[in-house]
C-alpha atoms as a PDB file:
ATOM      1  CA  ARG A   1       4.755 -90.196 125.154  1.00  0.00           C
ATOM      2  CA  ALA A   2       1.007 -89.463 125.029  1.00  0.00           C
ATOM      3  CA  ALA A   3      -0.514 -86.898 127.449  1.00  0.00           C
ATOM      4  CA  VAL A   4      -4.149 -88.063 126.082  1.00  0.00           C
ATOM      5  CA  GLY A   5      -6.093 -91.196 126.662  1.00  0.00           C
ATOM      6  CA  LEU A   6      -8.964 -92.285 124.906  1.00  0.00           C
ATOM      7  CA  TRP A   7     -10.952 -94.943 126.998  1.00  0.00           C
ATOM      8  CA  PHE A   8     -11.862 -98.121 125.183  1.00  0.00           C
ATOM      9  CA  ASP A   9     -13.892-100.963 126.208  1.00  0.00           C
ATOM     10  CA  HIS A  10     -14.927-103.986 123.992  1.00  0.00           C
ATOM     11  CA  ALA A  11     -17.611-104.716 126.515  1.00  0.00           C
ATOM     12  CA  ASN A  12     -18.985-101.416 126.627  1.00  0.00           C
ATOM     13  CA  TRP A  13     -19.103-101.124 122.674  1.00  0.00           C
ATOM     14  CA  TRP A  14     -21.088-104.327 122.400  1.00  0.00           C
ATOM     15  CA  ALA A  15     -23.814-102.957 125.226  1.00  0.00           C
ATOM     16  CA  LEU A  16     -24.065 -99.566 124.002  1.00  0.00           C
ATOM     17  CA  GLU A  17     -24.948-100.900 120.322  1.00  0.00           C
ATOM     18  CA  LEU A  18     -27.771-103.488 121.512  1.00  0.00           C
ATOM     19  CA  PRO A  19     -31.010-102.330 120.132  1.00  0.00           C
ATOM     20  CA  SER A  20     -32.660-101.573 123.272  1.00  0.00           C
ATOM     21  CA  LYS A  21     -31.059 -98.298 123.777  1.00  0.00           C
ATOM     22  CA  PRO A  22     -32.679 -95.021 123.349  1.00  0.00           C
ATOM     23  CA  ASN A  23     -31.197 -94.112 119.473  1.00  0.00           C
ATOM     24  CA  GLN A  24     -30.558 -96.874 117.199  1.00  0.00           C
ATOM     25  CA  GLU A  25     -28.305 -94.677 115.185  1.00  0.00           C
ATOM     26  CA  LEU A  26     -25.833 -94.496 117.898  1.00  0.00           C
ATOM     27  CA  SER A  27     -22.251 -95.964 116.888  1.00  0.00           C
ATOM     28  CA  HIS A  28     -19.768 -96.165 119.524  1.00  0.00           C
ATOM     29  CA  ARG A  29     -16.763 -96.298 116.311  1.00  0.00           C
ATOM     30  CA  SER A  30     -18.054 -93.152 114.970  1.00  0.00           C
ATOM     31  CA  LEU A  31     -18.444 -91.301 118.167  1.00  0.00           C
ATOM     32  CA  ILE A  32     -14.529 -92.593 118.821  1.00  0.00           C
ATOM     33  CA  GLN A  33     -13.244 -91.266 115.685  1.00  0.00           C
ATOM     34  CA  ASP A  34     -14.898 -87.814 116.327  1.00  0.00           C
ATOM     35  CA  LEU A  35     -12.644 -87.423 119.495  1.00  0.00           C
ATOM     36  CA  TYR A  36      -9.842 -89.046 117.973  1.00  0.00           C
ATOM     37  CA  LEU A  37      -9.427 -87.503 114.551  1.00  0.00           C
ATOM     38  CA  PRO A  38      -9.106 -83.845 115.373  1.00  0.00           C
ATOM     39  CA  LEU A  39      -6.446 -84.709 117.841  1.00  0.00           C
ATOM     40  CA  TYR A  40      -4.499 -86.795 115.365  1.00  0.00           C
ATOM     41  CA  ARG A  41      -5.201 -84.112 112.749  1.00  0.00           C
ATOM     42  CA  GLU A  42      -3.301 -81.673 115.083  1.00  0.00           C
ATOM     43  CA  ASN A  43      -0.373 -84.163 115.719  1.00  0.00           C
ATOM     44  CA  HIS A  44      -1.467 -84.761 119.320  1.00  0.00           C
ATOM     45  CA  ALA A  45      -0.457 -88.504 120.578  1.00  0.00           C
ATOM     46  CA  ILE A  46      -3.413 -90.235 121.575  1.00  0.00           C
ATOM     47  CA  ASP A  47      -3.281 -93.737 123.413  1.00  0.00           C
ATOM     48  CA  PHE A  48      -6.250 -96.255 123.546  1.00  0.00           C
ATOM     49  CA  VAL A  49      -6.617 -96.913 127.329  1.00  0.00           C
ATOM     50  CA  PHE A  50      -8.249 -99.630 128.855  1.00  0.00           C
ATOM     51  CA  ALA A  51      -9.508-100.910 132.006  1.00  0.00           C
ATOM     52  CA  ASP A  52      -6.172-102.332 133.080  1.00  0.00           C
ATOM     53  CA  SER A  53      -4.442 -99.452 132.005  1.00  0.00           C
ATOM     54  CA  ASP A  54      -2.189 -97.297 134.058  1.00  0.00           C
ATOM     55  CA  LEU A  55      -3.654 -93.577 133.845  1.00  0.00           C
ATOM     56  CA  ALA A  56      -1.046 -91.796 135.727  1.00  0.00           C
ATOM     57  CA  ALA A  57       0.734 -90.748 132.640  1.00  0.00           C
ATOM     58  CA  TYR A  58      -2.348 -88.927 130.987  1.00  0.00           C
ATOM     59  CA  ARG A  59      -3.113 -85.267 131.561  1.00  0.00           C
ATOM     60  CA  VAL A  60      -6.297 -85.822 130.028  1.00  0.00           C
ATOM     61  CA  LEU A  61      -8.820 -88.583 129.683  1.00  0.00           C
ATOM     62  CA  LEU A  62     -11.550 -88.863 126.431  1.00  0.00           C
ATOM     63  CA  VAL A  63     -14.089 -91.112 128.054  1.00  0.00           C
ATOM     64  CA  PRO A  64     -16.922 -91.574 124.919  1.00  0.00           C
ATOM     65  CA  ALA A  65     -20.369 -92.999 125.933  1.00  0.00           C
ATOM     66  CA  LEU A  66     -19.124 -95.225 128.645  1.00  0.00           C
ATOM     67  CA  TYR A  67     -22.721 -96.670 129.174  1.00  0.00           C
ATOM     68  CA  LEU A  68     -21.626 -99.964 130.756  1.00  0.00           C
ATOM     69  CA  VAL A  69     -19.153 -99.424 133.973  1.00  0.00           C
ATOM     70  CA  ALA A  70     -17.369-102.380 135.406  1.00  0.00           C
ATOM     71  CA  PRO A  71     -16.169-102.419 138.887  1.00  0.00           C
ATOM     72  CA  GLY A  72     -13.435-100.224 139.464  1.00  0.00           C
ATOM     73  CA  VAL A  73     -13.376 -98.163 136.717  1.00  0.00           C
ATOM     74  CA  ALA A  74     -15.055 -95.338 138.406  1.00  0.00           C
ATOM     75  CA  GLU A  75     -12.573 -95.577 141.029  1.00  0.00           C
ATOM     76  CA  LYS A  76      -9.959 -95.516 138.343  1.00  0.00           C
ATOM     77  CA  ILE A  77     -10.644 -92.323 136.449  1.00  0.00           C
ATOM     78  CA  GLU A  78     -11.837 -90.622 140.124  1.00  0.00           C
ATOM     79  CA  ALA A  79      -8.105 -91.153 141.158  1.00  0.00           C
ATOM     80  CA  LEU A  80      -6.715 -89.630 137.772  1.00  0.00           C
ATOM     81  CA  VAL A  81      -8.827 -86.470 138.626  1.00  0.00           C
ATOM     82  CA  ALA A  82      -7.440 -86.418 142.094  1.00  0.00           C
ATOM     83  CA  ALA A  83      -4.438 -86.485 140.711  1.00  0.00           C
ATOM     84  CA  GLY A  84      -4.402 -83.629 138.748  1.00  0.00           C
ATOM     85  CA  GLY A  85      -5.671 -85.033 135.626  1.00  0.00           C
ATOM     86  CA  THR A  86      -8.709 -84.077 133.210  1.00  0.00           C
ATOM     87  CA  ALA A  87     -11.515 -86.578 132.423  1.00  0.00           C
ATOM     88  CA  VAL A  88     -13.973 -85.243 129.657  1.00  0.00           C
ATOM     89  CA  PHE A  89     -16.868 -87.649 129.275  1.00  0.00           C
ATOM     90  CA  THR A  90     -19.422 -87.871 126.397  1.00  0.00           C
ATOM     91  CA  TYR A  91     -23.294 -88.314 126.914  1.00  0.00           C
ATOM     92  CA  PHE A  92     -24.774 -91.665 128.140  1.00  0.00           C
ATOM     93  CA  CYS A  93     -21.806 -92.617 130.573  1.00  0.00           C
ATOM     94  CA  GLY A  94     -22.211 -94.322 133.781  1.00  0.00           C
ATOM     95  CA  ILE A  95     -26.195 -96.034 133.146  1.00  0.00           C
ATOM     96  CA  VAL A  96     -25.308 -99.575 134.022  1.00  0.00           C
ATOM     97  CA  ASP A  97     -23.071-102.066 135.641  1.00  0.00           C
ATOM     98  CA  GLU A  98     -21.179-105.003 133.950  1.00  0.00           C
ATOM     99  CA  HIS A  99     -24.347-107.053 134.058  1.00  0.00           C
ATOM    100  CA  ASP A 100     -26.215-104.368 131.962  1.00  0.00           C
ATOM    101  CA  ARG A 101     -28.476-103.552 135.082  1.00  0.00           C
ATOM    102  CA  VAL A 102     -29.067 -99.713 135.729  1.00  0.00           C
ATOM    103  CA  HIS A 103     -27.405 -98.263 138.669  1.00  0.00           C
ATOM    104  CA  LEU A 104     -29.774 -97.330 141.547  1.00  0.00           C
ATOM    105  CA  GLY A 105     -29.652 -93.880 142.802  1.00  0.00           C
ATOM    106  CA  GLY A 106     -28.701 -92.216 139.207  1.00  0.00           C
ATOM    107  CA  TYR A 107     -25.631 -92.383 137.247  1.00  0.00           C
END
């Protein structure tokens, strides 16, 4: 069983690569590969996890550019950390809600 989960969200991928972002070169697929491949090459089992996944079994959760955060997602990740897991976030996380509206009060 994998101890590492790699967060994946299709809606986030779509929103992240819209042309209105600060950097037109941002590639969510490339970022996921940059996180996945070094662990894979070292023979670590990695699961792709989604908003409806049970995170309880993971010691580490990699969260690449989670720009769009749907309701309940932050709480789910916080629960993993509260239970002793580690969440590793890359840049550009927590910027907008599920409707691509900026969160008030900072990210």
